[in-house]
Amino acid sequence: MVDYVRTRPAARRIGTSYQGDADGPSSFYERIGFVPTGEVDEDGKTEAVLEL
């Protein structure tokens, strides 16, 4: 998905949110370049962005 979004002319970043517990996907997202923003959404999920 990241490779596809990079091909889009106006794409500057990708955002996501994930459950921040020990069993959550935080290490996966960080390994591919997502950085937590320090924000938490209304469901208590950590928000993260990948700058393209």
Protein backbone atom coordinates (compact mmCIF):
# COMPACT_ATOMS: atom_id res chain seq x y z
CA MET A 1 0.00 0.00 0.00
CA VAL A 2 2.82 2.40 0.86
CA ASP A 3 4.49 1.80 -2.50
CA TYR A 4 1.22 2.54 -4.31
CA VAL A 5 0.54 5.74 -2.37
CA ARG A 6 4.07 6.94 -3.16
CA THR A 7 3.12 6.87 -6.87
CA ARG A 8 0.28 9.35 -6.36
CA PRO A 9 1.38 12.86 -7.35
CA ALA A 10 -0.22 14.73 -4.43
CA ALA A 11 0.65 12.20 -1.72
CA ARG A 12 2.75 13.73 1.04
CA ARG A 13 2.02 11.45 4.01
CA ILE A 14 0.07 8.44 5.17
CA GLY A 15 -1.71 8.40 8.49
CA THR A 16 -2.88 5.49 10.61
CA SER A 17 -3.92 4.68 14.14
CA TYR A 18 -3.37 1.55 16.17
CA GLN A 19 -3.98 0.07 19.56
CA GLY A 20 -0.96 0.97 21.65
CA ASP A 21 -0.85 -2.08 23.91
CA ALA A 22 2.04 -4.56 24.08
CA ASP A 23 0.32 -6.97 21.65
CA GLY A 24 -0.55 -4.20 19.18
CA PRO A 25 1.11 -3.48 15.85
CA SER A 26 3.27 -0.54 16.97
CA SER A 27 6.58 -2.26 16.21
CA PHE A 28 5.36 -3.18 12.71
CA TYR A 29 4.36 0.40 11.89
CA GLU A 30 7.56 1.85 13.35
CA ARG A 31 9.68 -0.68 11.43
CA ILE A 32 8.25 0.54 8.10
CA GLY A 33 8.73 4.20 9.00
CA PHE A 34 5.58 5.42 10.74
CA VAL A 35 6.23 7.84 13.59
CA PRO A 36 3.75 8.33 16.44
CA THR A 37 2.41 11.90 16.49
CA GLY A 38 1.82 11.95 20.24
CA GLU A 39 -1.91 12.18 19.59
CA VAL A 40 -4.53 9.62 20.61
CA ASP A 41 -7.82 9.37 18.71
CA GLU A 42 -11.31 9.22 20.22
CA ASP A 43 -11.07 5.42 20.47
CA GLY A 44 -7.82 5.58 22.46
CA LYS A 45 -5.64 4.55 19.52
CA THR A 46 -2.20 6.02 18.90
CA GLU A 47 -1.98 8.13 15.76
CA ALA A 48 1.10 7.84 13.52
CA VAL A 49 2.25 9.25 10.18
CA LEU A 50 4.64 8.22 7.46
CA GLU A 51 6.12 11.19 5.59
CA LEU A 52 6.55 10.40 1.91
